[in-house]
PDB file of N, CA and C in Angstrom:
ATOM      1  N   MET A   1       0.830  -1.247  -0.003  1.00  0.00           N
ATOM      2  CA  MET A   1      -0.101  -0.059   0.202  1.00  0.00           C
ATOM      3  C   MET A   1       0.670   1.282  -0.042  1.00  0.00           C
ATOM      4  N   ASP A   2       2.080   1.111   0.493  1.00  0.00           N
ATOM      5  CA  ASP A   2       3.019   2.370   0.529  1.00  0.00           C
ATOM      6  C   ASP A   2       3.734   2.419  -0.719  1.00  0.00           C
ATOM      7  N   THR A   3       3.029   2.505  -2.018  1.00  0.00           N
ATOM      8  CA  THR A   3       3.743   2.749  -3.066  1.00  0.00           C
ATOM      9  C   THR A   3       4.257   4.070  -3.362  1.00  0.00           C
ATOM     10  N   GLN A   4       3.862   4.971  -2.581  1.00  0.00           N
ATOM     11  CA  GLN A   4       4.456   6.484  -2.583  1.00  0.00           C
ATOM     12  C   GLN A   4       4.753   7.115  -1.242  1.00  0.00           C
ATOM     13  N   PRO A   5       5.674   6.463  -0.803  1.00  0.00           N
ATOM     14  CA  PRO A   5       6.066   6.849   0.630  1.00  0.00           C
ATOM     15  C   PRO A   5       6.450   8.297   0.913  1.00  0.00           C
ATOM     16  N   ASN A   6       7.326   8.952  -0.166  1.00  0.00           N
ATOM     17  CA  ASN A   6       7.641  10.151   0.005  1.00  0.00           C
ATOM     18  C   ASN A   6       6.800  11.359  -0.433  1.00  0.00           C
ATOM     19  N   ASN A   7       5.425  10.912  -0.681  1.00  0.00           N
ATOM     20  CA  ASN A   7       4.300  11.628  -1.295  1.00  0.00           C
ATOM     21  C   ASN A   7       3.379  12.172  -0.078  1.00  0.00           C
ATOM     22  N   PRO A   8       3.402  13.241   0.401  1.00  0.00           N
ATOM     23  CA  PRO A   8       2.531  13.601   1.555  1.00  0.00           C
ATOM     24  C   PRO A   8       1.185  13.668   1.198  1.00  0.00           C
ATOM     25  N   LEU A   9       0.806  13.834  -0.067  1.00  0.00           N
ATOM     26  CA  LEU A   9      -0.645  13.920  -0.484  1.00  0.00           C
ATOM     27  C   LEU A   9      -1.162  12.577  -0.823  1.00  0.00           C
ATOM     28  N   HIS A  10      -0.425  11.574  -0.798  1.00  0.00           N
ATOM     29  CA  HIS A  10      -0.855  10.073  -1.127  1.00  0.00           C
ATOM     30  C   HIS A  10      -1.928   9.775   0.133  1.00  0.00           C
ATOM     31  N   GLY A  11      -3.252   9.456  -0.387  1.00  0.00           N
ATOM     32  CA  GLY A  11      -4.217   8.880   0.314  1.00  0.00           C
ATOM     33  C   GLY A  11      -4.917   9.859   1.244  1.00  0.00           C
ATOM     34  N   THR A  12      -4.465  11.344   0.821  1.00  0.00           N
ATOM     35  CA  THR A  12      -5.206  12.301   1.500  1.00  0.00           C
ATOM     36  C   THR A  12      -6.200  13.122   0.604  1.00  0.00           C
ATOM     37  N   THR A  13      -7.462  13.002   1.007  1.00  0.00           N
ATOM     38  CA  THR A  13      -8.593  13.402   0.165  1.00  0.00           C
ATOM     39  C   THR A  13      -8.569  15.101   0.264  1.00  0.00           C
ATOM     40  N   LEU A  14      -9.194  15.765  -0.639  1.00  0.00           N
ATOM     41  CA  LEU A  14      -8.976  17.065  -0.804  1.00  0.00           C
ATOM     42  C   LEU A  14      -9.843  17.663   0.456  1.00  0.00           C
ATOM     43  N   GLU A  15     -10.848  17.011   0.901  1.00  0.00           N
ATOM     44  CA  GLU A  15     -11.732  17.554   1.924  1.00  0.00           C
ATOM     45  C   GLU A  15     -11.030  17.398   3.352  1.00  0.00           C
ATOM     46  N   ALA A  16     -10.183  16.420   3.471  1.00  0.00           N
ATOM     47  CA  ALA A  16      -9.373  15.981   4.542  1.00  0.00           C
ATOM     48  C   ALA A  16      -8.247  17.033   4.816  1.00  0.00           C
ATOM     49  N   LEU A  17      -7.627  17.329   3.583  1.00  0.00           N
ATOM     50  CA  LEU A  17      -6.522  18.331   3.536  1.00  0.00           C
ATOM     51  C   LEU A  17      -7.158  19.731   3.827  1.00  0.00           C
ATOM     52  N   LEU A  18      -8.080  20.113   3.246  1.00  0.00           N
ATOM     53  CA  LEU A  18      -8.856  21.436   3.608  1.00  0.00           C
ATOM     54  C   LEU A  18      -9.159  21.516   4.911  1.00  0.00           C
ATOM     55  N   ASN A  19      -9.877  20.651   5.562  1.00  0.00           N
ATOM     56  CA  ASN A  19     -10.341  20.596   6.817  1.00  0.00           C
ATOM     57  C   ASN A  19      -9.070  20.630   8.065  1.00  0.00           C
ATOM     58  N   GLU A  20      -8.030  20.069   7.684  1.00  0.00           N
ATOM     59  CA  GLU A  20      -6.719  20.071   8.341  1.00  0.00           C
ATOM     60  C   GLU A  20      -6.155  21.874   8.296  1.00  0.00           C
ATOM     61  N   LEU A  21      -6.228  22.182   7.229  1.00  0.00           N
ATOM     62  CA  LEU A  21      -5.766  23.634   6.890  1.00  0.00           C
ATOM     63  C   LEU A  21      -6.479  24.529   7.611  1.00  0.00           C
ATOM     64  N   VAL A  22      -7.912  24.443   7.760  1.00  0.00           N
ATOM     65  CA  VAL A  22      -8.981  25.406   8.427  1.00  0.00           C
ATOM     66  C   VAL A  22      -8.592  25.147   9.879  1.00  0.00           C
ATOM     67  N   THR A  23      -8.438  23.781  10.288  1.00  0.00           N
ATOM     68  CA  THR A  23      -8.160  23.637  11.758  1.00  0.00           C
ATOM     69  C   THR A  23      -6.768  24.445  12.095  1.00  0.00           C
ATOM     70  N   TYR A  24      -5.847  24.390  11.330  1.00  0.00           N
ATOM     71  CA  TYR A  24      -4.464  24.905  11.706  1.00  0.00           C
ATOM     72  C   TYR A  24      -4.442  26.361  11.615  1.00  0.00           C
ATOM     73  N   TYR A  25      -4.988  26.869  10.414  1.00  0.00           N
ATOM     74  CA  TYR A  25      -4.891  28.268  10.225  1.00  0.00           C
ATOM     75  C   TYR A  25      -6.181  29.169  10.444  1.00  0.00           C
ATOM     76  N   GLY A  26      -7.369  28.319  10.548  1.00  0.00           N
ATOM     77  CA  GLY A  26      -8.603  29.238  10.416  1.00  0.00           C
ATOM     78  C   GLY A  26      -8.912  29.946   9.117  1.00  0.00           C
ATOM     79  N   TRP A  27     -10.257  30.063   9.037  1.00  0.00           N
ATOM     80  CA  TRP A  27     -10.370  30.704   7.494  1.00  0.00           C
ATOM     81  C   TRP A  27      -9.625  32.142   7.350  1.00  0.00           C
ATOM     82  N   HIS A  28      -9.639  33.047   8.346  1.00  0.00           N
ATOM     83  CA  HIS A  28      -8.978  34.208   8.179  1.00  0.00           C
ATOM     84  C   HIS A  28      -7.606  34.155   7.528  1.00  0.00           C
ATOM     85  N   ASP A  29      -6.780  33.189   8.366  1.00  0.00           N
ATOM     86  CA  ASP A  29      -5.478  33.220   7.987  1.00  0.00           C
ATOM     87  C   ASP A  29      -5.024  32.382   6.704  1.00  0.00           C
ATOM     88  N   LEU A  30      -6.108  31.607   6.563  1.00  0.00           N
ATOM     89  CA  LEU A  30      -6.022  30.541   5.291  1.00  0.00           C
ATOM     90  C   LEU A  30      -6.331  31.828   4.122  1.00  0.00           C
ATOM     91  N   GLY A  31      -7.362  32.600   4.446  1.00  0.00           N
ATOM     92  CA  GLY A  31      -7.555  33.677   3.279  1.00  0.00           C
ATOM     93  C   GLY A  31      -6.303  34.550   3.112  1.00  0.00           C
ATOM     94  N   ARG A  32      -5.469  34.705   4.094  1.00  0.00           N
ATOM     95  CA  ARG A  32      -4.284  35.738   3.878  1.00  0.00           C
ATOM     96  C   ARG A  32      -3.147  34.941   3.219  1.00  0.00           C
ATOM     97  N   GLN A  33      -3.042  33.656   3.460  1.00  0.00           N
ATOM     98  CA  GLN A  33      -1.868  32.684   2.875  1.00  0.00           C
ATOM     99  C   GLN A  33      -2.396  32.623   1.373  1.00  0.00           C
ATOM    100  N   ILE A  34      -3.405  32.176   1.068  1.00  0.00           N
ATOM    101  CA  ILE A  34      -3.985  31.990  -0.230  1.00  0.00           C
ATOM    102  C   ILE A  34      -5.090  32.962  -0.724  1.00  0.00           C
ATOM    103  N   ASP A  35      -4.862  33.855  -1.456  1.00  0.00           N
ATOM    104  CA  ASP A  35      -5.863  35.066  -1.814  1.00  0.00           C
ATOM    105  C   ASP A  35      -6.713  34.485  -2.783  1.00  0.00           C
ATOM    106  N   ILE A  36      -7.821  33.743  -2.549  1.00  0.00           N
ATOM    107  CA  ILE A  36      -8.847  33.282  -3.233  1.00  0.00           C
ATOM    108  C   ILE A  36     -10.219  33.557  -2.449  1.00  0.00           C
ATOM    109  N   ARG A  37     -11.197  34.076  -3.180  1.00  0.00           N
ATOM    110  CA  ARG A  37     -12.499  34.486  -2.784  1.00  0.00           C
ATOM    111  C   ARG A  37     -13.030  33.454  -1.857  1.00  0.00           C
ATOM    112  N   CYS A  38     -13.022  32.200  -2.230  1.00  0.00           N
ATOM    113  CA  CYS A  38     -13.715  31.197  -1.240  1.00  0.00           C
ATOM    114  C   CYS A  38     -13.126  31.003   0.001  1.00  0.00           C
ATOM    115  N   PHE A  39     -11.988  31.661   0.380  1.00  0.00           N
ATOM    116  CA  PHE A  39     -11.361  31.672   1.639  1.00  0.00           C
ATOM    117  C   PHE A  39     -11.612  33.003   2.511  1.00  0.00           C
ATOM    118  N   ARG A  40     -11.964  33.952   1.825  1.00  0.00           N
ATOM    119  CA  ARG A  40     -12.107  35.117   2.476  1.00  0.00           C
ATOM    120  C   ARG A  40     -13.270  35.139   3.532  1.00  0.00           C
ATOM    121  N   PHE A  41     -13.001  35.683   4.709  1.00  0.00           N
ATOM    122  CA  PHE A  41     -13.775  35.772   5.675  1.00  0.00           C
ATOM    123  C   PHE A  41     -15.126  36.538   5.346  1.00  0.00           C
ATOM    124  N   THR A  42     -14.771  37.542   4.528  1.00  0.00           N
ATOM    125  CA  THR A  42     -16.099  38.461   4.123  1.00  0.00           C
ATOM    126  C   THR A  42     -17.092  37.736   3.310  1.00  0.00           C
ATOM    127  N   HIS A  43     -16.702  36.576   2.653  1.00  0.00           N
ATOM    128  CA  HIS A  43     -17.657  35.817   1.754  1.00  0.00           C
ATOM    129  C   HIS A  43     -18.148  34.698   2.455  1.00  0.00           C
ATOM    130  N   ASP A  44     -18.231  34.578   3.569  1.00  0.00           N
ATOM    131  CA  ASP A  44     -18.713  33.320   4.145  1.00  0.00           C
ATOM    132  C   ASP A  44     -18.056  32.120   3.838  1.00  0.00           C
ATOM    133  N   PRO A  45     -16.893  31.827   4.187  1.00  0.00           N
ATOM    134  CA  PRO A  45     -16.360  30.511   3.475  1.00  0.00           C
ATOM    135  C   PRO A  45     -17.045  29.179   4.150  1.00  0.00           C
ATOM    136  N   SER A  46     -16.678  28.246   3.415  1.00  0.00           N
ATOM    137  CA  SER A  46     -17.429  26.869   3.858  1.00  0.00           C
ATOM    138  C   SER A  46     -16.587  25.868   3.154  1.00  0.00           C
ATOM    139  N   ILE A  47     -16.604  24.788   3.720  1.00  0.00           N
ATOM    140  CA  ILE A  47     -15.909  23.480   3.107  1.00  0.00           C
ATOM    141  C   ILE A  47     -16.378  23.120   1.885  1.00  0.00           C
ATOM    142  N   PRO A  48     -17.678  22.990   1.635  1.00  0.00           N
ATOM    143  CA  PRO A  48     -18.463  22.630   0.624  1.00  0.00           C
ATOM    144  C   PRO A  48     -18.233  23.471  -0.938  1.00  0.00           C
ATOM    145  N   SER A  49     -18.265  25.002  -0.394  1.00  0.00           N
ATOM    146  CA  SER A  49     -17.998  25.666  -1.456  1.00  0.00           C
ATOM    147  C   SER A  49     -16.719  25.856  -1.870  1.00  0.00           C
ATOM    148  N   SER A  50     -15.827  25.683  -0.742  1.00  0.00           N
ATOM    149  CA  SER A  50     -14.352  25.667  -1.223  1.00  0.00           C
ATOM    150  C   SER A  50     -14.008  24.326  -2.103  1.00  0.00           C
ATOM    151  N   LEU A  51     -14.615  23.280  -1.684  1.00  0.00           N
ATOM    152  CA  LEU A  51     -14.239  22.200  -2.464  1.00  0.00           C
ATOM    153  C   LEU A  51     -14.697  22.043  -4.094  1.00  0.00           C
ATOM    154  N   LYS A  52     -15.942  22.566  -4.035  1.00  0.00           N
ATOM    155  CA  LYS A  52     -16.247  22.935  -5.397  1.00  0.00           C
ATOM    156  C   LYS A  52     -15.523  23.808  -6.163  1.00  0.00           C
ATOM    157  N   PHE A  53     -14.988  24.687  -5.718  1.00  0.00           N
ATOM    158  CA  PHE A  53     -14.080  25.729  -6.403  1.00  0.00           C
ATOM    159  C   PHE A  53     -12.832  24.978  -6.743  1.00  0.00           C
ATOM    160  N   LEU A  54     -12.168  24.481  -5.603  1.00  0.00           N
ATOM    161  CA  LEU A  54     -10.628  23.861  -5.796  1.00  0.00           C
ATOM    162  C   LEU A  54     -10.774  22.769  -6.850  1.00  0.00           C
ATOM    163  N   ARG A  55     -11.920  21.931  -6.877  1.00  0.00           N
ATOM    164  CA  ARG A  55     -11.977  20.783  -7.842  1.00  0.00           C
ATOM    165  C   ARG A  55     -12.021  21.370  -9.206  1.00  0.00           C
ATOM    166  N   ARG A  56     -12.614  22.658  -9.511  1.00  0.00           N
ATOM    167  CA  ARG A  56     -12.775  22.934 -10.936  1.00  0.00           C
ATOM    168  C   ARG A  56     -11.552  23.965 -11.071  1.00  0.00           C
ATOM    169  N   THR A  57     -10.460  24.438 -10.233  1.00  0.00           N
ATOM    170  CA  THR A  57      -9.664  25.395 -10.434  1.00  0.00           C
ATOM    171  C   THR A  57      -8.300  24.677 -10.130  1.00  0.00           C
ATOM    172  N   PRO A  58      -7.577  24.180 -11.254  1.00  0.00           N
ATOM    173  CA  PRO A  58      -6.204  23.548 -10.728  1.00  0.00           C
ATOM    174  C   PRO A  58      -5.236  24.360 -10.298  1.00  0.00           C
ATOM    175  N   TRP A  59      -5.078  25.554 -10.568  1.00  0.00           N
ATOM    176  CA  TRP A  59      -3.943  26.579 -10.045  1.00  0.00           C
ATOM    177  C   TRP A  59      -4.154  26.774  -8.515  1.00  0.00           C
ATOM    178  N   ALA A  60      -5.628  27.037  -8.064  1.00  0.00           N
ATOM    179  CA  ALA A  60      -6.124  27.173  -6.594  1.00  0.00           C
ATOM    180  C   ALA A  60      -5.840  25.899  -5.759  1.00  0.00           C
ATOM    181  N   ARG A  61      -6.239  24.705  -6.511  1.00  0.00           N
ATOM    182  CA  ARG A  61      -5.714  23.315  -5.804  1.00  0.00           C
ATOM    183  C   ARG A  61      -4.364  23.234  -5.430  1.00  0.00           C
ATOM    184  N   ALA A  62      -3.535  23.479  -6.518  1.00  0.00           N
ATOM    185  CA  ALA A  62      -2.080  23.278  -6.496  1.00  0.00           C
ATOM    186  C   ALA A  62      -1.248  24.185  -5.285  1.00  0.00           C
ATOM    187  N   ARG A  63      -1.963  25.469  -5.012  1.00  0.00           N
ATOM    188  CA  ARG A  63      -1.471  26.519  -4.132  1.00  0.00           C
ATOM    189  C   ARG A  63      -1.971  25.857  -2.793  1.00  0.00           C
ATOM    190  N   VAL A  64      -3.153  25.207  -2.497  1.00  0.00           N
ATOM    191  CA  VAL A  64      -3.744  24.447  -1.370  1.00  0.00           C
ATOM    192  C   VAL A  64      -2.822  23.374  -1.112  1.00  0.00           C
ATOM    193  N   GLU A  65      -2.525  22.872  -2.057  1.00  0.00           N
ATOM    194  CA  GLU A  65      -1.910  21.390  -1.778  1.00  0.00           C
ATOM    195  C   GLU A  65      -0.526  21.879  -1.244  1.00  0.00           C
ATOM    196  N   SER A  66       0.144  22.817  -1.881  1.00  0.00           N
ATOM    197  CA  SER A  66       1.385  23.274  -1.604  1.00  0.00           C
ATOM    198  C   SER A  66       1.535  23.835   0.004  1.00  0.00           C
ATOM    199  N   LEU A  67       0.399  24.635   0.224  1.00  0.00           N
ATOM    200  CA  LEU A  67       0.352  25.131   1.684  1.00  0.00           C
ATOM    201  C   LEU A  67       0.379  23.700   2.537  1.00  0.00           C
ATOM    202  N   TYR A  68      -0.494  22.878   2.319  1.00  0.00           N
ATOM    203  CA  TYR A  68      -0.653  21.523   3.110  1.00  0.00           C
ATOM    204  C   TYR A  68       0.615  20.987   3.305  1.00  0.00           C
ATOM    205  N   VAL A  69       1.429  21.002   2.408  1.00  0.00           N
ATOM    206  CA  VAL A  69       2.776  20.204   2.458  1.00  0.00           C
ATOM    207  C   VAL A  69       3.655  21.109   3.396  1.00  0.00           C
ATOM    208  N   ASP A  70       3.592  22.364   3.177  1.00  0.00           N
ATOM    209  CA  ASP A  70       4.310  23.305   3.910  1.00  0.00           C
ATOM    210  C   ASP A  70       4.029  23.155   5.376  1.00  0.00           C
ATOM    211  N   MET A  71       2.821  23.076   5.542  1.00  0.00           N
ATOM    212  CA  MET A  71       2.177  22.952   6.975  1.00  0.00           C
ATOM    213  C   MET A  71       2.859  21.631   7.481  1.00  0.00           C
ATOM    214  N   LEU A  72       2.729  20.422   7.035  1.00  0.00           N
ATOM    215  CA  LEU A  72       3.096  19.209   7.394  1.00  0.00           C
ATOM    216  C   LEU A  72       4.649  19.238   7.657  1.00  0.00           C
ATOM    217  N   THR A  73       5.410  19.780   6.804  1.00  0.00           N
ATOM    218  CA  THR A  73       6.882  20.199   6.988  1.00  0.00           C
ATOM    219  C   THR A  73       7.367  21.032   8.349  1.00  0.00           C
ATOM    220  N   HIS A  74       6.592  22.015   8.393  1.00  0.00           N
ATOM    221  CA  HIS A  74       6.567  22.864   9.676  1.00  0.00           C
ATOM    222  C   HIS A  74       6.165  22.143  10.941  1.00  0.00           C
ATOM    223  N   SER A  75       5.129  21.436  10.910  1.00  0.00           N
ATOM    224  CA  SER A  75       4.700  20.616  12.067  1.00  0.00           C
ATOM    225  C   SER A  75       5.503  19.663  12.523  1.00  0.00           C
ATOM    226  N   LYS A  76       6.296  18.770  11.524  1.00  0.00           N
ATOM    227  CA  LYS A  76       7.233  17.877  11.767  1.00  0.00           C
ATOM    228  C   LYS A  76       8.455  18.569  12.285  1.00  0.00           C
ATOM    229  N   LYS A  77       8.949  19.855  11.990  1.00  0.00           N
ATOM    230  CA  LYS A  77       9.883  20.379  12.424  1.00  0.00           C
ATOM    231  C   LYS A  77       9.886  20.809  14.004  1.00  0.00           C
ATOM    232  N   ALA A  78       8.686  21.181  14.158  1.00  0.00           N
ATOM    233  CA  ALA A  78       8.296  21.469  15.572  1.00  0.00           C
ATOM    234  C   ALA A  78       8.458  20.280  16.580  1.00  0.00           C
ATOM    235  N   ILE A  79       8.178  19.214  16.254  1.00  0.00           N
ATOM    236  CA  ILE A  79       8.169  17.900  17.058  1.00  0.00           C
ATOM    237  C   ILE A  79       9.595  17.710  17.459  1.00  0.00           C
TER     238      ILE A  79
END
């Protein structure tokens, strides 16, 4: 099952990834990290609307995945 042991995104759904980012950063800071409308606090962000946007927008999904990998790297260094 560990066919991609060096890939931190392997086996992680977009929804799980987004939930972890929201838990770690909160919507306000997530909107600051990645400036897209679905994360802005003024536009009532939600997981379902963000997932819909990210699934249709490859460049935004790439930024979210990159931030997630950075968060994992930073979290592991803190341990």
